[in-house]
Amino acid sequence: MPATKDGGWVLDDRGVDYPIYGLQCMRCKHLRDERPKDSIGSRCAAFARIPREILEGKHDHTLPFPGDGGIRFEPIQ
């Protein structure tokens, strides 16, 4: 990592790959085809930024998740 002029360090995360859409999200009627300003993740009716646990398939969003406001996965008809 490169050092800054004040002796601190700069985190270079350009090589970090963040998922854009989770498999469950891609089949959900609540997914919005837009990204947050920093292009990390995606949006849906339940979240301004879909949590990584859902995007990575670590949480089944047919079950409650903190902050979802009661909006959960519903398949596209």
N, C-alpha and C. Protein backbone atom coordinates (compact mmCIF):
# COMPACT_ATOMS: atom_id res chain seq x y z
N MET A 1 0.84 -1.19 0.00
CA MET A 1 0.00 0.00 0.00
C MET A 1 0.88 1.24 0.00
N PRO A 2 0.47 2.24 -0.76
CA PRO A 2 1.26 3.48 -0.78
C PRO A 2 1.03 4.31 0.47
N ALA A 3 2.07 4.97 0.94
CA ALA A 3 1.96 5.86 2.09
C ALA A 3 1.57 7.25 1.62
N THR A 4 0.81 7.97 2.45
CA THR A 4 0.45 9.35 2.14
C THR A 4 1.54 10.27 2.68
N LYS A 5 1.48 11.56 2.34
CA LYS A 5 2.48 12.53 2.78
C LYS A 5 2.55 12.63 4.30
N ASP A 6 1.39 12.38 4.97
CA ASP A 6 1.39 12.49 6.43
C ASP A 6 1.77 11.18 7.11
N GLY A 7 2.22 10.19 6.35
CA GLY A 7 2.64 8.92 6.94
C GLY A 7 1.53 7.90 7.07
N GLY A 8 0.29 8.29 6.71
CA GLY A 8 -0.84 7.35 6.76
C GLY A 8 -0.81 6.41 5.56
N TRP A 9 -1.80 5.59 5.47
CA TRP A 9 -1.87 4.63 4.37
C TRP A 9 -3.15 4.82 3.59
N VAL A 10 -3.11 4.52 2.32
CA VAL A 10 -4.26 4.62 1.44
C VAL A 10 -4.68 3.20 1.07
N LEU A 11 -5.94 2.88 1.31
CA LEU A 11 -6.45 1.57 0.94
C LEU A 11 -6.84 1.59 -0.53
N ASP A 12 -6.21 0.75 -1.31
CA ASP A 12 -6.54 0.65 -2.73
C ASP A 12 -7.40 -0.59 -2.91
N ASP A 13 -8.73 -0.38 -3.01
CA ASP A 13 -9.63 -1.52 -3.14
C ASP A 13 -10.18 -1.66 -4.56
N ARG A 14 -9.46 -1.12 -5.53
CA ARG A 14 -9.93 -1.23 -6.91
C ARG A 14 -10.02 -2.67 -7.38
N GLY A 15 -9.29 -3.56 -6.76
CA GLY A 15 -9.32 -4.96 -7.15
C GLY A 15 -10.38 -5.77 -6.44
N VAL A 16 -11.15 -5.14 -5.53
CA VAL A 16 -12.19 -5.85 -4.80
C VAL A 16 -13.42 -5.94 -5.69
N ASP A 17 -13.97 -7.13 -5.80
CA ASP A 17 -15.13 -7.35 -6.65
C ASP A 17 -16.38 -7.46 -5.78
N TYR A 18 -17.29 -6.50 -5.90
CA TYR A 18 -18.53 -6.52 -5.16
C TYR A 18 -19.64 -7.05 -6.06
N PRO A 19 -20.48 -7.95 -5.55
CA PRO A 19 -21.58 -8.44 -6.39
C PRO A 19 -22.57 -7.32 -6.68
N ILE A 20 -23.08 -7.30 -7.88
CA ILE A 20 -24.07 -6.28 -8.26
C ILE A 20 -25.47 -6.80 -7.99
N TYR A 21 -25.77 -7.99 -8.46
CA TYR A 21 -27.08 -8.60 -8.24
C TYR A 21 -26.90 -10.00 -7.69
N GLY A 22 -27.66 -10.35 -6.66
CA GLY A 22 -27.66 -11.71 -6.15
C GLY A 22 -28.60 -12.55 -6.99
N LEU A 23 -28.46 -13.87 -6.94
CA LEU A 23 -29.32 -14.75 -7.72
C LEU A 23 -30.78 -14.60 -7.32
N GLN A 24 -31.05 -14.50 -6.03
CA GLN A 24 -32.42 -14.31 -5.58
C GLN A 24 -32.93 -12.94 -6.03
N CYS A 25 -32.09 -11.93 -5.94
CA CYS A 25 -32.48 -10.57 -6.34
C CYS A 25 -32.88 -10.51 -7.82
N MET A 26 -32.15 -11.22 -8.66
CA MET A 26 -32.41 -11.17 -10.11
C MET A 26 -33.80 -11.71 -10.45
N ARG A 27 -34.37 -12.52 -9.56
CA ARG A 27 -35.69 -13.10 -9.81
C ARG A 27 -36.79 -12.40 -9.01
N CYS A 28 -36.44 -11.28 -8.35
CA CYS A 28 -37.39 -10.60 -7.46
C CYS A 28 -38.05 -9.40 -8.15
N LYS A 29 -39.35 -9.27 -7.93
CA LYS A 29 -40.09 -8.16 -8.55
C LYS A 29 -39.74 -6.80 -7.95
N HIS A 30 -39.07 -6.78 -6.80
CA HIS A 30 -38.73 -5.52 -6.14
C HIS A 30 -37.38 -4.92 -6.57
N LEU A 31 -36.59 -5.65 -7.37
CA LEU A 31 -35.29 -5.15 -7.79
C LEU A 31 -35.46 -3.93 -8.69
N ARG A 32 -34.62 -2.92 -8.46
CA ARG A 32 -34.61 -1.72 -9.31
C ARG A 32 -33.34 -1.76 -10.14
N ASP A 33 -33.44 -1.41 -11.37
CA ASP A 33 -32.28 -1.45 -12.27
C ASP A 33 -31.51 -0.14 -12.16
N GLU A 34 -30.94 0.07 -10.99
CA GLU A 34 -30.12 1.26 -10.75
C GLU A 34 -29.12 0.94 -9.66
N ARG A 35 -28.01 1.64 -9.66
CA ARG A 35 -26.97 1.43 -8.65
C ARG A 35 -26.83 2.68 -7.79
N PRO A 36 -26.36 2.48 -6.56
CA PRO A 36 -26.02 3.67 -5.75
C PRO A 36 -24.92 4.47 -6.45
N LYS A 37 -24.72 5.70 -6.02
CA LYS A 37 -23.74 6.59 -6.67
C LYS A 37 -22.34 6.00 -6.73
N ASP A 38 -21.96 5.19 -5.74
CA ASP A 38 -20.62 4.61 -5.75
C ASP A 38 -20.54 3.31 -6.53
N SER A 39 -21.65 2.90 -7.16
CA SER A 39 -21.72 1.71 -8.00
C SER A 39 -21.43 0.41 -7.25
N ILE A 40 -21.58 0.41 -5.95
CA ILE A 40 -21.38 -0.81 -5.18
C ILE A 40 -22.75 -1.36 -4.80
N GLY A 41 -23.04 -2.57 -5.24
CA GLY A 41 -24.32 -3.19 -4.93
C GLY A 41 -25.41 -2.73 -5.87
N SER A 42 -26.65 -2.82 -5.41
CA SER A 42 -27.81 -2.41 -6.19
C SER A 42 -28.93 -2.04 -5.23
N ARG A 43 -30.02 -1.59 -5.80
CA ARG A 43 -31.15 -1.10 -5.00
C ARG A 43 -32.38 -1.98 -5.23
N CYS A 44 -33.29 -1.91 -4.27
CA CYS A 44 -34.59 -2.56 -4.42
C CYS A 44 -35.59 -1.78 -3.58
N ALA A 45 -36.84 -2.22 -3.61
CA ALA A 45 -37.86 -1.53 -2.83
C ALA A 45 -37.59 -1.62 -1.33
N ALA A 46 -36.87 -2.65 -0.90
CA ALA A 46 -36.59 -2.84 0.53
C ALA A 46 -35.35 -2.10 1.01
N PHE A 47 -34.36 -1.90 0.12
CA PHE A 47 -33.08 -1.34 0.53
C PHE A 47 -32.55 -0.31 -0.47
N ALA A 48 -32.00 0.79 0.06
CA ALA A 48 -31.29 1.74 -0.79
C ALA A 48 -29.99 1.12 -1.30
N ARG A 49 -29.44 0.20 -0.52
CA ARG A 49 -28.28 -0.61 -0.92
C ARG A 49 -28.52 -2.01 -0.37
N ILE A 50 -28.68 -2.97 -1.26
CA ILE A 50 -28.97 -4.34 -0.83
C ILE A 50 -27.77 -4.87 -0.04
N PRO A 51 -28.02 -5.39 1.16
CA PRO A 51 -26.92 -5.89 2.00
C PRO A 51 -26.17 -7.05 1.34
N ARG A 52 -24.87 -7.11 1.59
CA ARG A 52 -24.02 -8.16 1.01
C ARG A 52 -24.52 -9.56 1.35
N GLU A 53 -25.04 -9.75 2.56
CA GLU A 53 -25.52 -11.07 2.96
C GLU A 53 -26.58 -11.58 1.99
N ILE A 54 -27.41 -10.67 1.49
CA ILE A 54 -28.46 -11.05 0.54
C ILE A 54 -27.86 -11.20 -0.85
N LEU A 55 -27.04 -10.24 -1.26
CA LEU A 55 -26.42 -10.32 -2.60
C LEU A 55 -25.59 -11.59 -2.76
N GLU A 56 -24.89 -11.98 -1.71
CA GLU A 56 -24.02 -13.15 -1.78
C GLU A 56 -24.76 -14.46 -1.51
N GLY A 57 -26.07 -14.39 -1.28
CA GLY A 57 -26.85 -15.60 -1.06
C GLY A 57 -26.67 -16.20 0.32
N LYS A 58 -26.13 -15.43 1.27
CA LYS A 58 -25.93 -15.93 2.63
C LYS A 58 -27.19 -15.78 3.48
N HIS A 59 -28.16 -15.02 2.99
CA HIS A 59 -29.43 -14.84 3.70
C HIS A 59 -30.56 -15.03 2.70
N ASP A 60 -31.50 -15.88 3.03
CA ASP A 60 -32.69 -16.10 2.20
C ASP A 60 -33.66 -14.97 2.51
N HIS A 61 -33.89 -14.10 1.53
CA HIS A 61 -34.71 -12.92 1.80
C HIS A 61 -36.21 -13.18 1.72
N THR A 62 -36.62 -14.45 1.77
CA THR A 62 -38.02 -14.74 2.06
C THR A 62 -38.24 -14.62 3.57
N LEU A 63 -37.12 -14.55 4.30
CA LEU A 63 -37.14 -14.38 5.76
C LEU A 63 -36.82 -12.92 6.09
N PRO A 64 -37.25 -12.42 7.25
CA PRO A 64 -36.97 -11.03 7.63
C PRO A 64 -35.48 -10.74 7.67
N PHE A 65 -35.14 -9.49 7.32
CA PHE A 65 -33.77 -9.01 7.42
C PHE A 65 -33.85 -7.59 7.98
N PRO A 66 -32.98 -7.23 8.93
CA PRO A 66 -33.05 -5.88 9.52
C PRO A 66 -33.06 -4.78 8.45
N GLY A 67 -34.05 -3.88 8.57
CA GLY A 67 -34.13 -2.73 7.68
C GLY A 67 -34.93 -2.96 6.42
N ASP A 68 -35.50 -4.16 6.21
CA ASP A 68 -36.22 -4.40 4.95
C ASP A 68 -37.64 -3.83 4.94
N GLY A 69 -38.11 -3.32 6.08
CA GLY A 69 -39.43 -2.69 6.14
C GLY A 69 -40.57 -3.64 5.81
N GLY A 70 -40.33 -4.94 5.97
CA GLY A 70 -41.38 -5.92 5.66
C GLY A 70 -41.45 -6.29 4.18
N ILE A 71 -40.63 -5.67 3.35
CA ILE A 71 -40.59 -6.00 1.92
C ILE A 71 -39.59 -7.12 1.73
N ARG A 72 -40.05 -8.24 1.20
CA ARG A 72 -39.19 -9.41 1.04
C ARG A 72 -39.27 -9.93 -0.39
N PHE A 73 -38.42 -10.92 -0.66
CA PHE A 73 -38.39 -11.53 -1.99
C PHE A 73 -39.78 -11.97 -2.43
N GLU A 74 -40.14 -11.55 -3.64
CA GLU A 74 -41.34 -12.04 -4.31
C GLU A 74 -40.93 -12.30 -5.75
N PRO A 75 -41.21 -13.50 -6.26
CA PRO A 75 -40.78 -13.82 -7.63
C PRO A 75 -41.51 -12.96 -8.66
N ILE A 76 -40.80 -12.68 -9.74
CA ILE A 76 -41.41 -11.97 -10.86
C ILE A 76 -42.43 -12.90 -11.49
N GLN A 77 -43.62 -12.43 -11.71
CA GLN A 77 -44.69 -13.26 -12.29
C GLN A 77 -44.63 -13.25 -13.80
